[in-house]
Amino acid sequence: MAKPFNKGKRMNKTVAEIITEYLSENGYDGLFNDSVPCGCVLGDIAPCSIDCGFPVECMAAYKYECDQKADCDECESQGEKAGFCMRKAPHD
């Protein structure tokens, strides 16, 4: 009988745990969903999961500190009143 292929990692993780692990291991800061728009960071993944369609519409993103009214014209998604936004492009 074949053994499960788990590379020594814990089995039975939640979707949020799997996504958080992937984002962290690949240098991302969180998720964004530009169809809503919505953004969230590691440690608080998908707090609005029902409203945003998590994880179907979410994409990996980078966190940018900003003044939402002045600096976030280019942002795909923002952390509402949190002083940050989420973008697809990595930091320069």
PDB file of N, CA and C in Angstrom:
ATOM      1  N   MET A   1       0.840  -1.177   0.000  1.00  0.00           N
ATOM      2  CA  MET A   1       0.000   0.000   0.000  1.00  0.00           C
ATOM      3  C   MET A   1       0.891   1.249   0.000  1.00  0.00           C
ATOM      4  N   ALA A   2       0.505   2.231  -0.777  1.00  0.00           N
ATOM      5  CA  ALA A   2       1.275   3.465  -0.882  1.00  0.00           C
ATOM      6  C   ALA A   2       1.132   4.307   0.378  1.00  0.00           C
ATOM      7  N   LYS A   3       2.223   4.978   0.748  1.00  0.00           N
ATOM      8  CA  LYS A   3       2.208   5.871   1.904  1.00  0.00           C
ATOM      9  C   LYS A   3       1.790   7.265   1.442  1.00  0.00           C
ATOM     10  N   PRO A   4       1.127   8.034   2.308  1.00  0.00           N
ATOM     11  CA  PRO A   4       0.764   9.412   1.948  1.00  0.00           C
ATOM     12  C   PRO A   4       2.018  10.241   1.707  1.00  0.00           C
ATOM     13  N   PHE A   5       1.971  11.093   0.727  1.00  0.00           N
ATOM     14  CA  PHE A   5       3.096  11.955   0.400  1.00  0.00           C
ATOM     15  C   PHE A   5       2.890  13.292   1.097  1.00  0.00           C
ATOM     16  N   ASN A   6       3.569  13.507   2.223  1.00  0.00           N
ATOM     17  CA  ASN A   6       3.366  14.743   2.973  1.00  0.00           C
ATOM     18  C   ASN A   6       4.664  15.452   3.323  1.00  0.00           C
ATOM     19  N   LYS A   7       5.784  14.961   2.831  1.00  0.00           N
ATOM     20  CA  LYS A   7       7.082  15.597   3.066  1.00  0.00           C
ATOM     21  C   LYS A   7       7.333  15.883   4.544  1.00  0.00           C
ATOM     22  N   GLY A   8       6.787  15.079   5.430  1.00  0.00           N
ATOM     23  CA  GLY A   8       7.018  15.241   6.854  1.00  0.00           C
ATOM     24  C   GLY A   8       6.225  16.365   7.501  1.00  0.00           C
ATOM     25  N   LYS A   9       5.318  16.981   6.770  1.00  0.00           N
ATOM     26  CA  LYS A   9       4.518  18.068   7.332  1.00  0.00           C
ATOM     27  C   LYS A   9       3.210  17.525   7.895  1.00  0.00           C
ATOM     28  N   ARG A  10       2.642  18.264   8.799  1.00  0.00           N
ATOM     29  CA  ARG A  10       1.390  17.874   9.443  1.00  0.00           C
ATOM     30  C   ARG A  10       0.270  17.767   8.411  1.00  0.00           C
ATOM     31  N   MET A  11      -0.491  16.718   8.510  1.00  0.00           N
ATOM     32  CA  MET A  11      -1.634  16.509   7.626  1.00  0.00           C
ATOM     33  C   MET A  11      -2.860  17.201   8.215  1.00  0.00           C
ATOM     34  N   ASN A  12      -3.927  17.254   7.444  1.00  0.00           N
ATOM     35  CA  ASN A  12      -5.215  17.789   7.881  1.00  0.00           C
ATOM     36  C   ASN A  12      -5.164  19.269   8.237  1.00  0.00           C
ATOM     37  N   LYS A  13      -4.481  20.051   7.432  1.00  0.00           N
ATOM     38  CA  LYS A  13      -4.450  21.495   7.626  1.00  0.00           C
ATOM     39  C   LYS A  13      -5.720  22.117   7.068  1.00  0.00           C
ATOM     40  N   THR A  14      -6.094  23.265   7.616  1.00  0.00           N
ATOM     41  CA  THR A  14      -7.215  24.010   7.056  1.00  0.00           C
ATOM     42  C   THR A  14      -6.752  24.716   5.784  1.00  0.00           C
ATOM     43  N   VAL A  15      -7.694  25.150   4.976  1.00  0.00           N
ATOM     44  CA  VAL A  15      -7.363  25.896   3.760  1.00  0.00           C
ATOM     45  C   VAL A  15      -6.608  27.166   4.131  1.00  0.00           C
ATOM     46  N   ALA A  16      -7.045  27.847   5.174  1.00  0.00           N
ATOM     47  CA  ALA A  16      -6.360  29.071   5.609  1.00  0.00           C
ATOM     48  C   ALA A  16      -4.921  28.781   6.014  1.00  0.00           C
ATOM     49  N   GLU A  17      -4.672  27.658   6.703  1.00  0.00           N
ATOM     50  CA  GLU A  17      -3.308  27.291   7.093  1.00  0.00           C
ATOM     51  C   GLU A  17      -2.446  26.979   5.873  1.00  0.00           C
ATOM     52  N   ILE A  18      -2.999  26.286   4.910  1.00  0.00           N
ATOM     53  CA  ILE A  18      -2.261  25.952   3.695  1.00  0.00           C
ATOM     54  C   ILE A  18      -1.897  27.220   2.926  1.00  0.00           C
ATOM     55  N   ILE A  19      -2.852  28.111   2.783  1.00  0.00           N
ATOM     56  CA  ILE A  19      -2.609  29.360   2.046  1.00  0.00           C
ATOM     57  C   ILE A  19      -1.611  30.233   2.788  1.00  0.00           C
ATOM     58  N   THR A  20      -1.751  30.353   4.100  1.00  0.00           N
ATOM     59  CA  THR A  20      -0.821  31.155   4.893  1.00  0.00           C
ATOM     60  C   THR A  20       0.597  30.614   4.761  1.00  0.00           C
ATOM     61  N   GLU A  21       0.749  29.297   4.821  1.00  0.00           N
ATOM     62  CA  GLU A  21       2.065  28.679   4.679  1.00  0.00           C
ATOM     63  C   GLU A  21       2.660  28.977   3.302  1.00  0.00           C
ATOM     64  N   TYR A  22       1.876  28.830   2.260  1.00  0.00           N
ATOM     65  CA  TYR A  22       2.363  29.093   0.896  1.00  0.00           C
ATOM     66  C   TYR A  22       2.790  30.553   0.748  1.00  0.00           C
ATOM     67  N   LEU A  23       1.939  31.472   1.197  1.00  0.00           N
ATOM     68  CA  LEU A  23       2.251  32.898   1.069  1.00  0.00           C
ATOM     69  C   LEU A  23       3.542  33.230   1.799  1.00  0.00           C
ATOM     70  N   SER A  24       3.674  32.758   3.033  1.00  0.00           N
ATOM     71  CA  SER A  24       4.852  33.027   3.837  1.00  0.00           C
ATOM     72  C   SER A  24       6.117  32.460   3.198  1.00  0.00           C
ATOM     73  N   GLU A  25       6.058  31.220   2.743  1.00  0.00           N
ATOM     74  CA  GLU A  25       7.226  30.570   2.138  1.00  0.00           C
ATOM     75  C   GLU A  25       7.644  31.211   0.822  1.00  0.00           C
ATOM     76  N   ASN A  26       6.743  31.937   0.179  1.00  0.00           N
ATOM     77  CA  ASN A  26       7.040  32.535  -1.123  1.00  0.00           C
ATOM     78  C   ASN A  26       7.160  34.051  -1.080  1.00  0.00           C
ATOM     79  N   GLY A  27       7.266  34.627   0.116  1.00  0.00           N
ATOM     80  CA  GLY A  27       7.551  36.043   0.277  1.00  0.00           C
ATOM     81  C   GLY A  27       6.385  36.991   0.123  1.00  0.00           C
ATOM     82  N   TYR A  28       5.171  36.485   0.132  1.00  0.00           N
ATOM     83  CA  TYR A  28       3.995  37.356   0.040  1.00  0.00           C
ATOM     84  C   TYR A  28       3.585  37.834   1.427  1.00  0.00           C
ATOM     85  N   ASP A  29       2.830  38.946   1.451  1.00  0.00           N
ATOM     86  CA  ASP A  29       2.374  39.521   2.709  1.00  0.00           C
ATOM     87  C   ASP A  29       0.917  39.226   3.018  1.00  0.00           C
ATOM     88  N   GLY A  30       0.160  38.769   2.030  1.00  0.00           N
ATOM     89  CA  GLY A  30      -1.255  38.490   2.247  1.00  0.00           C
ATOM     90  C   GLY A  30      -1.962  38.225   0.941  1.00  0.00           C
ATOM     91  N   LEU A  31      -3.265  38.558   0.918  1.00  0.00           N
ATOM     92  CA  LEU A  31      -4.120  38.322  -0.239  1.00  0.00           C
ATOM     93  C   LEU A  31      -4.824  39.602  -0.655  1.00  0.00           C
ATOM     94  N   PHE A  32      -5.274  39.635  -1.898  1.00  0.00           N
ATOM     95  CA  PHE A  32      -6.166  40.696  -2.337  1.00  0.00           C
ATOM     96  C   PHE A  32      -7.184  40.113  -3.298  1.00  0.00           C
ATOM     97  N   ASN A  33      -8.280  40.808  -3.410  1.00  0.00           N
ATOM     98  CA  ASN A  33      -9.351  40.437  -4.327  1.00  0.00           C
ATOM     99  C   ASN A  33      -9.806  41.730  -4.977  1.00  0.00           C
ATOM    100  N   ASP A  34      -9.416  41.943  -6.236  1.00  0.00           N
ATOM    101  CA  ASP A  34      -9.742  43.217  -6.881  1.00  0.00           C
ATOM    102  C   ASP A  34     -11.167  43.282  -7.399  1.00  0.00           C
ATOM    103  N   SER A  35     -11.920  42.202  -7.339  1.00  0.00           N
ATOM    104  CA  SER A  35     -13.314  42.269  -7.773  1.00  0.00           C
ATOM    105  C   SER A  35     -14.227  42.807  -6.682  1.00  0.00           C
ATOM    106  N   VAL A  36     -13.740  42.885  -5.416  1.00  0.00           N
ATOM    107  CA  VAL A  36     -14.597  43.347  -4.324  1.00  0.00           C
ATOM    108  C   VAL A  36     -14.470  44.847  -4.051  1.00  0.00           C
ATOM    109  N   PRO A  37     -13.373  45.528  -3.902  1.00  0.00           N
ATOM    110  CA  PRO A  37     -11.994  45.151  -3.603  1.00  0.00           C
ATOM    111  C   PRO A  37     -11.800  44.879  -2.115  1.00  0.00           C
ATOM    112  N   CYS A  38     -10.782  44.065  -1.832  1.00  0.00           N
ATOM    113  CA  CYS A  38     -10.542  43.604  -0.470  1.00  0.00           C
ATOM    114  C   CYS A  38      -9.089  43.175  -0.354  1.00  0.00           C
ATOM    115  N   GLY A  39      -8.486  43.348   0.806  1.00  0.00           N
ATOM    116  CA  GLY A  39      -7.131  42.883   1.043  1.00  0.00           C
ATOM    117  C   GLY A  39      -6.955  42.464   2.489  1.00  0.00           C
ATOM    118  N   CYS A  40      -6.091  41.468   2.727  1.00  0.00           N
ATOM    119  CA  CYS A  40      -5.815  41.026   4.085  1.00  0.00           C
ATOM    120  C   CYS A  40      -4.366  40.590   4.188  1.00  0.00           C
ATOM    121  N   VAL A  41      -3.860  40.537   5.408  1.00  0.00           N
ATOM    122  CA  VAL A  41      -2.452  40.231   5.649  1.00  0.00           C
ATOM    123  C   VAL A  41      -2.289  38.903   6.377  1.00  0.00           C
ATOM    124  N   LEU A  42      -1.043  38.366   6.326  1.00  0.00           N
ATOM    125  CA  LEU A  42      -0.731  37.156   7.083  1.00  0.00           C
ATOM    126  C   LEU A  42      -1.069  37.397   8.549  1.00  0.00           C
ATOM    127  N   GLY A  43      -1.585  36.417   9.196  1.00  0.00           N
ATOM    128  CA  GLY A  43      -2.004  36.556  10.589  1.00  0.00           C
ATOM    129  C   GLY A  43      -3.468  36.948  10.712  1.00  0.00           C
ATOM    130  N   ASP A  44      -4.049  37.405   9.619  1.00  0.00           N
ATOM    131  CA  ASP A  44      -5.472  37.757   9.591  1.00  0.00           C
ATOM    132  C   ASP A  44      -6.017  37.422   8.203  1.00  0.00           C
ATOM    133  N   ILE A  45      -5.745  36.201   7.752  1.00  0.00           N
ATOM    134  CA  ILE A  45      -6.146  35.783   6.406  1.00  0.00           C
ATOM    135  C   ILE A  45      -7.658  35.601   6.336  1.00  0.00           C
ATOM    136  N   ALA A  46      -8.242  36.265   5.349  1.00  0.00           N
ATOM    137  CA  ALA A  46      -9.665  36.141   5.020  1.00  0.00           C
ATOM    138  C   ALA A  46     -10.616  36.417   6.182  1.00  0.00           C
ATOM    139  N   PRO A  47     -10.473  37.556   6.856  1.00  0.00           N
ATOM    140  CA  PRO A  47     -11.432  37.867   7.918  1.00  0.00           C
ATOM    141  C   PRO A  47     -12.827  38.119   7.355  1.00  0.00           C
ATOM    142  N   CYS A  48     -12.895  38.420   6.076  1.00  0.00           N
ATOM    143  CA  CYS A  48     -14.178  38.681   5.410  1.00  0.00           C
ATOM    144  C   CYS A  48     -14.500  37.560   4.429  1.00  0.00           C
ATOM    145  N   SER A  49     -14.189  36.330   4.789  1.00  0.00           N
ATOM    146  CA  SER A  49     -14.258  35.197   3.864  1.00  0.00           C
ATOM    147  C   SER A  49     -15.608  35.032   3.178  1.00  0.00           C
ATOM    148  N   ILE A  50     -16.676  35.289   3.842  1.00  0.00           N
ATOM    149  CA  ILE A  50     -17.988  35.123   3.221  1.00  0.00           C
ATOM    150  C   ILE A  50     -18.230  36.210   2.188  1.00  0.00           C
ATOM    151  N   ASP A  51     -17.896  37.448   2.498  1.00  0.00           N
ATOM    152  CA  ASP A  51     -18.135  38.570   1.594  1.00  0.00           C
ATOM    153  C   ASP A  51     -17.199  38.582   0.391  1.00  0.00           C
ATOM    154  N   CYS A  52     -15.976  38.137   0.567  1.00  0.00           N
ATOM    155  CA  CYS A  52     -14.974  38.234  -0.502  1.00  0.00           C
ATOM    156  C   CYS A  52     -14.916  37.020  -1.417  1.00  0.00           C
ATOM    157  N   GLY A  53     -15.490  35.927  -1.047  1.00  0.00           N
ATOM    158  CA  GLY A  53     -15.408  34.737  -1.862  1.00  0.00           C
ATOM    159  C   GLY A  53     -14.151  33.927  -1.621  1.00  0.00           C
ATOM    160  N   PHE A  54     -13.527  34.054  -0.471  1.00  0.00           N
ATOM    161  CA  PHE A  54     -12.296  33.352  -0.127  1.00  0.00           C
ATOM    162  C   PHE A  54     -12.483  31.865  -0.312  1.00  0.00           C
ATOM    163  N   PRO A  55     -11.518  31.175  -0.836  1.00  0.00           N
ATOM    164  CA  PRO A  55     -10.298  31.679  -1.458  1.00  0.00           C
ATOM    165  C   PRO A  55     -10.394  31.766  -2.976  1.00  0.00           C
ATOM    166  N   VAL A  56     -11.553  31.548  -3.524  1.00  0.00           N
ATOM    167  CA  VAL A  56     -11.716  31.413  -4.970  1.00  0.00           C
ATOM    168  C   VAL A  56     -11.238  32.630  -5.741  1.00  0.00           C
ATOM    169  N   GLU A  57     -11.557  33.825  -5.307  1.00  0.00           N
ATOM    170  CA  GLU A  57     -11.218  35.035  -6.050  1.00  0.00           C
ATOM    171  C   GLU A  57      -9.963  35.739  -5.543  1.00  0.00           C
ATOM    172  N   CYS A  58      -9.365  35.273  -4.471  1.00  0.00           N
ATOM    173  CA  CYS A  58      -8.207  35.944  -3.873  1.00  0.00           C
ATOM    174  C   CYS A  58      -6.908  35.580  -4.588  1.00  0.00           C
ATOM    175  N   MET A  59      -5.956  36.536  -4.589  1.00  0.00           N
ATOM    176  CA  MET A  59      -4.648  36.326  -5.189  1.00  0.00           C
ATOM    177  C   MET A  59      -3.572  36.766  -4.205  1.00  0.00           C
ATOM    178  N   ALA A  60      -2.372  36.206  -4.358  1.00  0.00           N
ATOM    179  CA  ALA A  60      -1.245  36.582  -3.507  1.00  0.00           C
ATOM    180  C   ALA A  60      -0.908  38.053  -3.714  1.00  0.00           C
ATOM    181  N   ALA A  61      -0.481  38.719  -2.633  1.00  0.00           N
ATOM    182  CA  ALA A  61      -0.218  40.150  -2.719  1.00  0.00           C
ATOM    183  C   ALA A  61       0.886  40.581  -1.757  1.00  0.00           C
ATOM    184  N   TYR A  62       1.343  41.805  -1.973  1.00  0.00           N
ATOM    185  CA  TYR A  62       2.357  42.442  -1.136  1.00  0.00           C
ATOM    186  C   TYR A  62       1.724  43.619  -0.414  1.00  0.00           C
ATOM    187  N   LYS A  63       2.124  43.821   0.828  1.00  0.00           N
ATOM    188  CA  LYS A  63       1.594  44.906   1.647  1.00  0.00           C
ATOM    189  C   LYS A  63       2.409  46.174   1.436  1.00  0.00           C
ATOM    190  N   TYR A  64       1.735  47.293   1.274  1.00  0.00           N
ATOM    191  CA  TYR A  64       2.347  48.604   1.154  1.00  0.00           C
ATOM    192  C   TYR A  64       1.746  49.519   2.205  1.00  0.00           C
ATOM    193  N   GLU A  65       2.611  50.118   3.009  1.00  0.00           N
ATOM    194  CA  GLU A  65       2.156  51.112   3.972  1.00  0.00           C
ATOM    195  C   GLU A  65       1.830  52.385   3.192  1.00  0.00           C
ATOM    196  N   CYS A  66       0.724  53.034   3.525  1.00  0.00           N
ATOM    197  CA  CYS A  66       0.360  54.243   2.782  1.00  0.00           C
ATOM    198  C   CYS A  66      -0.713  55.037   3.497  1.00  0.00           C
ATOM    199  N   ASP A  67      -0.878  56.254   3.030  1.00  0.00           N
ATOM    200  CA  ASP A  67      -2.011  57.094   3.401  1.00  0.00           C
ATOM    201  C   ASP A  67      -3.056  56.804   2.330  1.00  0.00           C
ATOM    202  N   GLN A  68      -4.103  56.107   2.678  1.00  0.00           N
ATOM    203  CA  GLN A  68      -5.051  55.614   1.688  1.00  0.00           C
ATOM    204  C   GLN A  68      -5.582  56.696   0.751  1.00  0.00           C
ATOM    205  N   LYS A  69      -5.838  57.876   1.273  1.00  0.00           N
ATOM    206  CA  LYS A  69      -6.400  58.917   0.417  1.00  0.00           C
ATOM    207  C   LYS A  69      -5.366  59.512  -0.517  1.00  0.00           C
ATOM    208  N   ALA A  70      -4.121  59.613  -0.069  1.00  0.00           N
ATOM    209  CA  ALA A  70      -3.096  60.267  -0.882  1.00  0.00           C
ATOM    210  C   ALA A  70      -2.293  59.299  -1.741  1.00  0.00           C
ATOM    211  N   ASP A  71      -1.964  58.132  -1.208  1.00  0.00           N
ATOM    212  CA  ASP A  71      -1.000  57.255  -1.862  1.00  0.00           C
ATOM    213  C   ASP A  71      -1.575  56.020  -2.542  1.00  0.00           C
ATOM    214  N   CYS A  72      -2.837  55.727  -2.377  1.00  0.00           N
ATOM    215  CA  CYS A  72      -3.361  54.432  -2.821  1.00  0.00           C
ATOM    216  C   CYS A  72      -4.113  54.450  -4.141  1.00  0.00           C
ATOM    217  N   ASP A  73      -3.882  55.425  -4.970  1.00  0.00           N
ATOM    218  CA  ASP A  73      -4.570  55.458  -6.259  1.00  0.00           C
ATOM    219  C   ASP A  73      -4.251  54.238  -7.110  1.00  0.00           C
ATOM    220  N   GLU A  74      -3.054  53.682  -6.962  1.00  0.00           N
ATOM    221  CA  GLU A  74      -2.630  52.539  -7.763  1.00  0.00           C
ATOM    222  C   GLU A  74      -2.943  51.199  -7.121  1.00  0.00           C
ATOM    223  N   CYS A  75      -3.465  51.201  -5.917  1.00  0.00           N
ATOM    224  CA  CYS A  75      -3.675  49.950  -5.193  1.00  0.00           C
ATOM    225  C   CYS A  75      -4.841  49.157  -5.750  1.00  0.00           C
ATOM    226  N   GLU A  76      -4.642  47.836  -5.816  1.00  0.00           N
ATOM    227  CA  GLU A  76      -5.721  46.963  -6.221  1.00  0.00           C
ATOM    228  C   GLU A  76      -6.719  46.771  -5.078  1.00  0.00           C
ATOM    229  N   SER A  77      -6.221  46.692  -3.857  1.00  0.00           N
ATOM    230  CA  SER A  77      -7.083  46.488  -2.697  1.00  0.00           C
ATOM    231  C   SER A  77      -6.461  47.153  -1.479  1.00  0.00           C
ATOM    232  N   GLN A  78      -7.319  47.532  -0.549  1.00  0.00           N
ATOM    233  CA  GLN A  78      -6.840  48.245   0.625  1.00  0.00           C
ATOM    234  C   GLN A  78      -7.320  47.580   1.896  1.00  0.00           C
ATOM    235  N   GLY A  79      -6.500  47.696   2.942  1.00  0.00           N
ATOM    236  CA  GLY A  79      -6.933  47.316   4.279  1.00  0.00           C
ATOM    237  C   GLY A  79      -7.740  48.482   4.805  1.00  0.00           C
ATOM    238  N   GLU A  80      -9.023  48.304   4.903  1.00  0.00           N
ATOM    239  CA  GLU A  80      -9.915  49.410   5.227  1.00  0.00           C
ATOM    240  C   GLU A  80      -9.502  50.110   6.516  1.00  0.00           C
ATOM    241  N   LYS A  81      -9.203  51.399   6.403  1.00  0.00           N
ATOM    242  CA  LYS A  81      -8.814  52.250   7.528  1.00  0.00           C
ATOM    243  C   LYS A  81      -7.638  51.692   8.313  1.00  0.00           C
ATOM    244  N   ALA A  82      -6.787  50.919   7.655  1.00  0.00           N
ATOM    245  CA  ALA A  82      -5.671  50.291   8.355  1.00  0.00           C
ATOM    246  C   ALA A  82      -4.335  50.922   8.014  1.00  0.00           C
ATOM    247  N   GLY A  83      -4.292  51.864   7.071  1.00  0.00           N
ATOM    248  CA  GLY A  83      -3.035  52.496   6.705  1.00  0.00           C
ATOM    249  C   GLY A  83      -2.166  51.647   5.802  1.00  0.00           C
ATOM    250  N   PHE A  84      -2.761  50.683   5.118  1.00  0.00           N
ATOM    251  CA  PHE A  84      -2.005  49.875   4.168  1.00  0.00           C
ATOM    252  C   PHE A  84      -2.899  49.488   3.002  1.00  0.00           C
ATOM    253  N   CYS A  85      -2.243  49.061   1.932  1.00  0.00           N
ATOM    254  CA  CYS A  85      -2.973  48.510   0.807  1.00  0.00           C
ATOM    255  C   CYS A  85      -2.231  47.282   0.309  1.00  0.00           C
ATOM    256  N   MET A  86      -2.912  46.460  -0.454  1.00  0.00           N
ATOM    257  CA  MET A  86      -2.341  45.239  -0.991  1.00  0.00           C
ATOM    258  C   MET A  86      -2.200  45.398  -2.496  1.00  0.00           C
ATOM    259  N   ARG A  87      -1.024  45.013  -3.029  1.00  0.00           N
ATOM    260  CA  ARG A  87      -0.752  45.135  -4.462  1.00  0.00           C
ATOM    261  C   ARG A  87      -0.189  43.831  -5.002  1.00  0.00           C
ATOM    262  N   LYS A  88      -0.407  43.618  -6.315  1.00  0.00           N
ATOM    263  CA  LYS A  88       0.136  42.416  -6.975  1.00  0.00           C
ATOM    264  C   LYS A  88       1.640  42.492  -7.136  1.00  0.00           C
ATOM    265  N   ALA A  89       2.162  43.675  -7.371  1.00  0.00           N
ATOM    266  CA  ALA A  89       3.594  43.836  -7.657  1.00  0.00           C
ATOM    267  C   ALA A  89       4.428  43.880  -6.375  1.00  0.00           C
ATOM    268  N   PRO A  90       5.607  43.249  -6.396  1.00  0.00           N
ATOM    269  CA  PRO A  90       6.473  43.310  -5.215  1.00  0.00           C
ATOM    270  C   PRO A  90       7.066  44.691  -5.043  1.00  0.00           C
ATOM    271  N   HIS A  91       7.624  44.941  -3.865  1.00  0.00           N
ATOM    272  CA  HIS A  91       8.270  46.217  -3.570  1.00  0.00           C
ATOM    273  C   HIS A  91       9.478  46.407  -4.492  1.00  0.00           C
ATOM    274  N   ASP A  92       9.743  47.668  -4.829  1.00  0.00           N
ATOM    275  CA  ASP A  92      10.901  47.991  -5.674  1.00  0.00           C
ATOM    276  C   ASP A  92      12.200  47.760  -4.946  1.00  0.00           C
TER     277      ASP A  92
END
